[in-house]
Amino acid sequence: MATMSSGPTRPERQISLPLTQAFKIALRNITIRLGRAMITASGTLLGIAFLMSVFTGNEIQVARNAVIEVAQQNKNTWLVVMSLLVTLVGITNAMLMSVTERYKEIGTMKCLGALDNFIVKLFLIESALLGFFGSLIGALLGALIMLLSATSVWGDINWLKILMYFGICIVIGTSLSVLAAVAPALRAAKMQAIDAMRTEV
C-alpha cells in the first residue's frame, strides 16, 4: 500500500564550498573592483603608516639617546588610537557600500546554493586581503619616511625591533580590516535571495 506524502519534498540546494573557493572568489572580486578596493585599502594604509612612523620615530629617538617625554608619548598614543578608529569606521563604511552594490551577486550565489557562512567567509577574506596589502604598504611607507630622515643614526637603530613593529603593524591592520567587515558580512549573509535579486541599486 502506497503511503501518501503530506506535500512535495524540498530538495537540499545549499552547497558547502571549500575555503579555497571563497579565497579565489574574494581575490577575483578585488581584481574586478580594483578602484574601490584601493580606496578601502588606503584607509588601512594611512592608519598603519602613521602607527609605524610613531614606532620608528621612537626607535630613532632611542638611537639618538634622546629622552622621550611622557606627555609626547601620551599624545602619540592618543593620535594613533584615533587614527585606527577612523580607519575602522572607514573600512566598515566601504564594506557596507560593497554589500549594497553586490545585492544581485549575493542573491545569485544564494540561489545557486551558497550557505550563509560561505557569504560571511567571502567578505571576511576579501577584507583580510585588503587589510594585509594595505598594512604591508603602509608599514613600509611609515618606516621608510622616518628612516630616510635619520640616516645618520642607522648604525645605532635596533633593526630587530623595527622588524617586530613591522609585523605588529601588519597584524593590527589585517585584524582591524576583518573586524570592520564583520557587520557588513553578517548583513550580506542574512539577506533573502529573492529580495536581493529584486533590489535595484
C-alpha atoms as a PDB file:
ATOM      1  CA  MET A   1       0.000   0.000   0.000  1.00  0.00           C
ATOM      2  CA  ALA A   2       1.488   3.300  -1.086  1.00  0.00           C
ATOM      3  CA  THR A   3       1.828   5.985   1.520  1.00  0.00           C
ATOM      4  CA  MET A   4       0.584   9.449   0.703  1.00  0.00           C
ATOM      5  CA  SER A   5       3.127  12.212   1.190  1.00  0.00           C
ATOM      6  CA  SER A   6       1.998  15.295   3.012  1.00  0.00           C
ATOM      7  CA  GLY A   7       3.429  17.563   0.328  1.00  0.00           C
ATOM      8  CA  PRO A   8       6.256  17.985  -2.109  1.00  0.00           C
ATOM      9  CA  THR A   9       9.669  17.426  -0.597  1.00  0.00           C
ATOM     10  CA  ARG A  10      12.030  20.378  -0.751  1.00  0.00           C
ATOM     11  CA  PRO A  11      15.405  19.480  -2.244  1.00  0.00           C
ATOM     12  CA  GLU A  12      18.504  20.452  -0.363  1.00  0.00           C
ATOM     13  CA  ARG A  13      20.130  23.064  -2.580  1.00  0.00           C
ATOM     14  CA  GLN A  14      22.628  24.531  -0.145  1.00  0.00           C
ATOM     15  CA  ILE A  15      26.214  23.779  -1.007  1.00  0.00           C
ATOM     16  CA  SER A  16      29.199  23.942   1.321  1.00  0.00           C
ATOM     17  CA  LEU A  17      32.055  25.338  -0.747  1.00  0.00           C
ATOM     18  CA  PRO A  18      35.701  24.991   0.389  1.00  0.00           C
ATOM     19  CA  LEU A  19      37.716  27.870   1.822  1.00  0.00           C
ATOM     20  CA  THR A  20      39.988  27.875  -1.226  1.00  0.00           C
ATOM     21  CA  GLN A  21      36.973  28.625  -3.432  1.00  0.00           C
ATOM     22  CA  ALA A  22      35.989  31.554  -1.180  1.00  0.00           C
ATOM     23  CA  PHE A  23      39.582  32.815  -1.406  1.00  0.00           C
ATOM     24  CA  LYS A  24      39.550  32.648  -5.222  1.00  0.00           C
ATOM     25  CA  ILE A  25      36.199  34.464  -5.455  1.00  0.00           C
ATOM     26  CA  ALA A  26      37.374  37.146  -2.983  1.00  0.00           C
ATOM     27  CA  LEU A  27      40.569  37.704  -4.990  1.00  0.00           C
ATOM     28  CA  ARG A  28      38.549  37.938  -8.211  1.00  0.00           C
ATOM     29  CA  ASN A  29      36.178  40.479  -6.618  1.00  0.00           C
ATOM     30  CA  ILE A  30      39.138  42.634  -5.570  1.00  0.00           C
ATOM     31  CA  THR A  31      40.572  42.481  -9.118  1.00  0.00           C
ATOM     32  CA  ILE A  32      37.222  43.359 -10.727  1.00  0.00           C
ATOM     33  CA  ARG A  33      36.573  46.246  -8.323  1.00  0.00           C
ATOM     34  CA  LEU A  34      40.170  47.450  -8.167  1.00  0.00           C
ATOM     35  CA  GLY A  35      39.263  51.143  -7.795  1.00  0.00           C
ATOM     36  CA  ARG A  36      37.007  50.568  -4.765  1.00  0.00           C
ATOM     37  CA  ALA A  37      39.487  48.041  -3.357  1.00  0.00           C
ATOM     38  CA  MET A  38      42.276  50.625  -3.494  1.00  0.00           C
ATOM     39  CA  ILE A  39      40.105  53.219  -1.712  1.00  0.00           C
ATOM     40  CA  THR A  40      39.222  50.691   1.011  1.00  0.00           C
ATOM     41  CA  ALA A  41      42.856  49.610   1.402  1.00  0.00           C
ATOM     42  CA  SER A  42      44.054  53.236   1.506  1.00  0.00           C
ATOM     43  CA  GLY A  43      42.250  53.762   4.828  1.00  0.00           C
ATOM     44  CA  THR A  44      44.245  50.916   6.373  1.00  0.00           C
ATOM     45  CA  LEU A  45      47.396  52.077   4.598  1.00  0.00           C
ATOM     46  CA  LEU A  46      47.264  55.582   6.087  1.00  0.00           C
ATOM     47  CA  GLY A  47      46.383  54.430   9.607  1.00  0.00           C
ATOM     48  CA  ILE A  48      49.156  51.824   9.665  1.00  0.00           C
ATOM     49  CA  ALA A  49      51.673  54.218   8.052  1.00  0.00           C
ATOM     50  CA  PHE A  50      51.074  56.635  10.929  1.00  0.00           C
ATOM     51  CA  LEU A  51      51.363  53.855  13.529  1.00  0.00           C
ATOM     52  CA  MET A  52      54.630  52.588  12.022  1.00  0.00           C
ATOM     53  CA  SER A  53      56.035  56.110  11.794  1.00  0.00           C
ATOM     54  CA  VAL A  54      55.410  56.562  15.537  1.00  0.00           C
ATOM     55  CA  PHE A  55      57.089  53.233  16.342  1.00  0.00           C
ATOM     56  CA  THR A  56      60.064  54.017  14.098  1.00  0.00           C
ATOM     57  CA  GLY A  57      60.305  57.584  15.436  1.00  0.00           C
ATOM     58  CA  ASN A  58      60.548  56.240  18.985  1.00  0.00           C
ATOM     59  CA  GLU A  59      63.377  53.909  17.972  1.00  0.00           C
ATOM     60  CA  ILE A  60      65.197  56.777  16.259  1.00  0.00           C
ATOM     61  CA  GLN A  61      64.897  58.815  19.460  1.00  0.00           C
ATOM     62  CA  VAL A  62      66.358  55.902  21.441  1.00  0.00           C
ATOM     63  CA  ALA A  63      69.229  55.621  18.927  1.00  0.00           C
ATOM     64  CA  ARG A  64      69.941  59.327  19.423  1.00  0.00           C
ATOM     65  CA  ASN A  65      69.901  58.832  23.206  1.00  0.00           C
ATOM     66  CA  ALA A  66      67.109  61.396  23.395  1.00  0.00           C
ATOM     67  CA  VAL A  67      64.613  61.315  26.245  1.00  0.00           C
ATOM     68  CA  ILE A  68      61.044  60.703  25.130  1.00  0.00           C
ATOM     69  CA  GLU A  69      58.770  62.871  27.227  1.00  0.00           C
ATOM     70  CA  VAL A  70      55.731  61.215  28.795  1.00  0.00           C
ATOM     71  CA  ALA A  71      53.430  63.976  27.516  1.00  0.00           C
ATOM     72  CA  GLN A  72      54.651  63.465  23.942  1.00  0.00           C
ATOM     73  CA  GLN A  73      54.295  59.692  24.285  1.00  0.00           C
ATOM     74  CA  ASN A  74      50.708  60.074  25.533  1.00  0.00           C
ATOM     75  CA  LYS A  75      49.913  62.453  22.686  1.00  0.00           C
ATOM     76  CA  ASN A  76      51.286  59.985  20.127  1.00  0.00           C
ATOM     77  CA  THR A  77      49.293  57.135  21.677  1.00  0.00           C
ATOM     78  CA  TRP A  78      46.093  59.202  21.525  1.00  0.00           C
ATOM     79  CA  LEU A  79      46.713  60.144  17.881  1.00  0.00           C
ATOM     80  CA  VAL A  80      47.428  56.517  16.935  1.00  0.00           C
ATOM     81  CA  VAL A  81      44.246  55.279  18.658  1.00  0.00           C
ATOM     82  CA  MET A  82      42.146  57.952  16.939  1.00  0.00           C
ATOM     83  CA  SER A  83      43.662  57.225  13.514  1.00  0.00           C
ATOM     84  CA  LEU A  84      42.980  53.492  13.925  1.00  0.00           C
ATOM     85  CA  LEU A  85      39.376  54.190  14.964  1.00  0.00           C
ATOM     86  CA  VAL A  86      38.916  56.359  11.873  1.00  0.00           C
ATOM     87  CA  THR A  87      40.421  53.512   9.820  1.00  0.00           C
ATOM     88  CA  LEU A  88      37.957  51.046  11.385  1.00  0.00           C
ATOM     89  CA  VAL A  89      34.946  53.259  10.607  1.00  0.00           C
ATOM     90  CA  GLY A  90      36.185  53.921   7.062  1.00  0.00           C
ATOM     91  CA  ILE A  91      36.609  50.228   6.259  1.00  0.00           C
ATOM     92  CA  THR A  92      33.188  49.386   7.729  1.00  0.00           C
ATOM     93  CA  ASN A  93      31.577  52.066   5.565  1.00  0.00           C
ATOM     94  CA  ALA A  94      33.406  50.882   2.435  1.00  0.00           C
ATOM     95  CA  MET A  95      32.403  47.254   3.054  1.00  0.00           C
ATOM     96  CA  LEU A  96      28.757  48.234   3.655  1.00  0.00           C
ATOM     97  CA  MET A  97      28.778  50.060   0.320  1.00  0.00           C
ATOM     98  CA  SER A  98      30.323  46.978  -1.270  1.00  0.00           C
ATOM     99  CA  VAL A  99      27.467  44.820   0.080  1.00  0.00           C
ATOM    100  CA  THR A 100      24.890  47.307  -1.254  1.00  0.00           C
ATOM    101  CA  GLU A 101      26.468  47.295  -4.724  1.00  0.00           C
ATOM    102  CA  ARG A 102      26.527  43.497  -4.826  1.00  0.00           C
ATOM    103  CA  TYR A 103      22.942  42.661  -3.799  1.00  0.00           C
ATOM    104  CA  LYS A 104      22.236  40.800  -7.033  1.00  0.00           C
ATOM    105  CA  GLU A 105      25.554  38.952  -6.915  1.00  0.00           C
ATOM    106  CA  ILE A 106      24.813  37.806  -3.352  1.00  0.00           C
ATOM    107  CA  GLY A 107      21.285  36.833  -4.366  1.00  0.00           C
ATOM    108  CA  THR A 108      22.613  34.802  -7.298  1.00  0.00           C
ATOM    109  CA  MET A 109      25.083  32.942  -5.064  1.00  0.00           C
ATOM    110  CA  LYS A 110      22.299  32.154  -2.593  1.00  0.00           C
ATOM    111  CA  CYS A 111      20.031  30.934  -5.402  1.00  0.00           C
ATOM    112  CA  LEU A 112      22.853  28.644  -6.522  1.00  0.00           C
ATOM    113  CA  GLY A 113      23.004  27.173  -3.023  1.00  0.00           C
ATOM    114  CA  ALA A 114      25.716  29.121  -1.212  1.00  0.00           C
ATOM    115  CA  LEU A 115      25.429  28.834   2.575  1.00  0.00           C
ATOM    116  CA  ASP A 116      25.259  31.926   4.793  1.00  0.00           C
ATOM    117  CA  ASN A 117      28.632  31.090   6.355  1.00  0.00           C
ATOM    118  CA  PHE A 118      30.173  30.986   2.863  1.00  0.00           C
ATOM    119  CA  ILE A 119      28.938  34.538   2.199  1.00  0.00           C
ATOM    120  CA  VAL A 120      30.414  35.654   5.547  1.00  0.00           C
ATOM    121  CA  LYS A 121      33.747  33.945   4.763  1.00  0.00           C
ATOM    122  CA  LEU A 122      33.811  35.575   1.340  1.00  0.00           C
ATOM    123  CA  PHE A 123      33.531  39.126   2.709  1.00  0.00           C
ATOM    124  CA  LEU A 124      35.918  38.477   5.622  1.00  0.00           C
ATOM    125  CA  ILE A 125      38.586  37.006   3.329  1.00  0.00           C
ATOM    126  CA  GLU A 126      38.196  39.923   0.922  1.00  0.00           C
ATOM    127  CA  SER A 127      38.600  42.408   3.762  1.00  0.00           C
ATOM    128  CA  ALA A 128      41.553  40.495   5.232  1.00  0.00           C
ATOM    129  CA  LEU A 129      43.361  40.585   1.876  1.00  0.00           C
ATOM    130  CA  LEU A 130      42.760  44.320   1.513  1.00  0.00           C
ATOM    131  CA  GLY A 131      43.863  44.872   5.111  1.00  0.00           C
ATOM    132  CA  PHE A 132      47.019  42.798   4.652  1.00  0.00           C
ATOM    133  CA  PHE A 133      48.184  44.557   1.490  1.00  0.00           C
ATOM    134  CA  GLY A 134      47.195  47.980   2.827  1.00  0.00           C
ATOM    135  CA  SER A 135      49.072  47.303   6.089  1.00  0.00           C
ATOM    136  CA  LEU A 136      52.117  45.964   4.266  1.00  0.00           C
ATOM    137  CA  ILE A 137      52.467  49.068   2.085  1.00  0.00           C
ATOM    138  CA  GLY A 138      51.538  51.388   4.966  1.00  0.00           C
ATOM    139  CA  ALA A 139      54.135  49.888   7.311  1.00  0.00           C
ATOM    140  CA  LEU A 140      56.808  50.146   4.617  1.00  0.00           C
ATOM    141  CA  LEU A 141      55.951  53.794   3.896  1.00  0.00           C
ATOM    142  CA  GLY A 142      55.776  54.753   7.578  1.00  0.00           C
ATOM    143  CA  ALA A 143      59.150  53.186   8.335  1.00  0.00           C
ATOM    144  CA  LEU A 144      60.889  54.493   5.197  1.00  0.00           C
ATOM    145  CA  ILE A 145      59.748  58.100   5.659  1.00  0.00           C
ATOM    146  CA  MET A 146      61.080  58.178   9.229  1.00  0.00           C
ATOM    147  CA  LEU A 147      64.296  56.272   8.466  1.00  0.00           C
ATOM    148  CA  LEU A 148      65.189  58.438   5.463  1.00  0.00           C
ATOM    149  CA  SER A 149      65.012  61.499   7.715  1.00  0.00           C
ATOM    150  CA  ALA A 150      67.500  59.943  10.167  1.00  0.00           C
ATOM    151  CA  THR A 151      70.184  58.245   8.053  1.00  0.00           C
ATOM    152  CA  SER A 152      72.933  59.376  10.474  1.00  0.00           C
ATOM    153  CA  VAL A 153      71.750  57.012  13.237  1.00  0.00           C
ATOM    154  CA  TRP A 154      71.095  53.906  11.142  1.00  0.00           C
ATOM    155  CA  GLY A 155      74.073  52.143  12.756  1.00  0.00           C
ATOM    156  CA  ASP A 156      72.583  52.616  16.251  1.00  0.00           C
ATOM    157  CA  ILE A 157      68.995  51.617  15.429  1.00  0.00           C
ATOM    158  CA  ASN A 158      67.672  48.333  16.786  1.00  0.00           C
ATOM    159  CA  TRP A 159      66.601  46.821  13.442  1.00  0.00           C
ATOM    160  CA  LEU A 160      65.168  43.741  15.146  1.00  0.00           C
ATOM    161  CA  LYS A 161      62.670  45.973  16.962  1.00  0.00           C
ATOM    162  CA  ILE A 162      61.811  47.771  13.718  1.00  0.00           C
ATOM    163  CA  LEU A 163      61.118  44.384  12.125  1.00  0.00           C
ATOM    164  CA  MET A 164      58.999  43.376  15.136  1.00  0.00           C
ATOM    165  CA  TYR A 165      56.982  46.606  14.882  1.00  0.00           C
ATOM    166  CA  PHE A 166      56.566  45.956  11.159  1.00  0.00           C
ATOM    167  CA  GLY A 167      54.968  42.585  11.921  1.00  0.00           C
ATOM    168  CA  ILE A 168      52.786  44.087  14.673  1.00  0.00           C
ATOM    169  CA  CYS A 169      51.509  46.760  12.260  1.00  0.00           C
ATOM    170  CA  ILE A 170      50.549  44.162   9.648  1.00  0.00           C
ATOM    171  CA  VAL A 171      48.708  42.071  12.270  1.00  0.00           C
ATOM    172  CA  ILE A 172      46.876  45.144  13.645  1.00  0.00           C
ATOM    173  CA  GLY A 173      45.907  46.394  10.172  1.00  0.00           C
ATOM    174  CA  THR A 174      44.667  42.999   8.973  1.00  0.00           C
ATOM    175  CA  SER A 175      42.774  42.376  12.232  1.00  0.00           C
ATOM    176  CA  LEU A 176      41.115  45.805  12.068  1.00  0.00           C
ATOM    177  CA  SER A 177      40.034  45.155   8.485  1.00  0.00           C
ATOM    178  CA  VAL A 178      38.485  41.799   9.387  1.00  0.00           C
ATOM    179  CA  LEU A 179      36.780  43.287  12.466  1.00  0.00           C
ATOM    180  CA  ALA A 180      35.365  46.139  10.374  1.00  0.00           C
ATOM    181  CA  ALA A 181      33.955  43.654   7.846  1.00  0.00           C
ATOM    182  CA  VAL A 182      32.045  41.519  10.378  1.00  0.00           C
ATOM    183  CA  ALA A 183      28.865  43.649  10.436  1.00  0.00           C
ATOM    184  CA  PRO A 184      28.685  44.076   6.614  1.00  0.00           C
ATOM    185  CA  ALA A 185      29.387  40.341   6.124  1.00  0.00           C
ATOM    186  CA  LEU A 186      26.594  39.344   8.531  1.00  0.00           C
ATOM    187  CA  ARG A 187      24.242  41.763   6.790  1.00  0.00           C
ATOM    188  CA  ALA A 188      25.053  40.180   3.429  1.00  0.00           C
ATOM    189  CA  ALA A 189      24.549  36.666   4.818  1.00  0.00           C
ATOM    190  CA  LYS A 190      21.127  37.460   6.318  1.00  0.00           C
ATOM    191  CA  MET A 191      19.728  38.742   3.017  1.00  0.00           C
ATOM    192  CA  GLN A 192      16.988  36.649   1.434  1.00  0.00           C
ATOM    193  CA  ALA A 193      17.931  35.546  -2.072  1.00  0.00           C
ATOM    194  CA  ILE A 194      14.655  36.677  -3.654  1.00  0.00           C
ATOM    195  CA  ASP A 195      14.887  40.136  -2.022  1.00  0.00           C
ATOM    196  CA  ALA A 196      18.479  40.566  -3.167  1.00  0.00           C
ATOM    197  CA  MET A 197      17.555  39.648  -6.736  1.00  0.00           C
ATOM    198  CA  ARG A 198      14.720  42.171  -6.809  1.00  0.00           C
ATOM    199  CA  THR A 199      16.772  45.061  -5.415  1.00  0.00           C
ATOM    200  CA  GLU A 200      17.722  47.835  -7.801  1.00  0.00           C
ATOM    201  CA  VAL A 201      20.869  49.710  -6.770  1.00  0.00           C
END
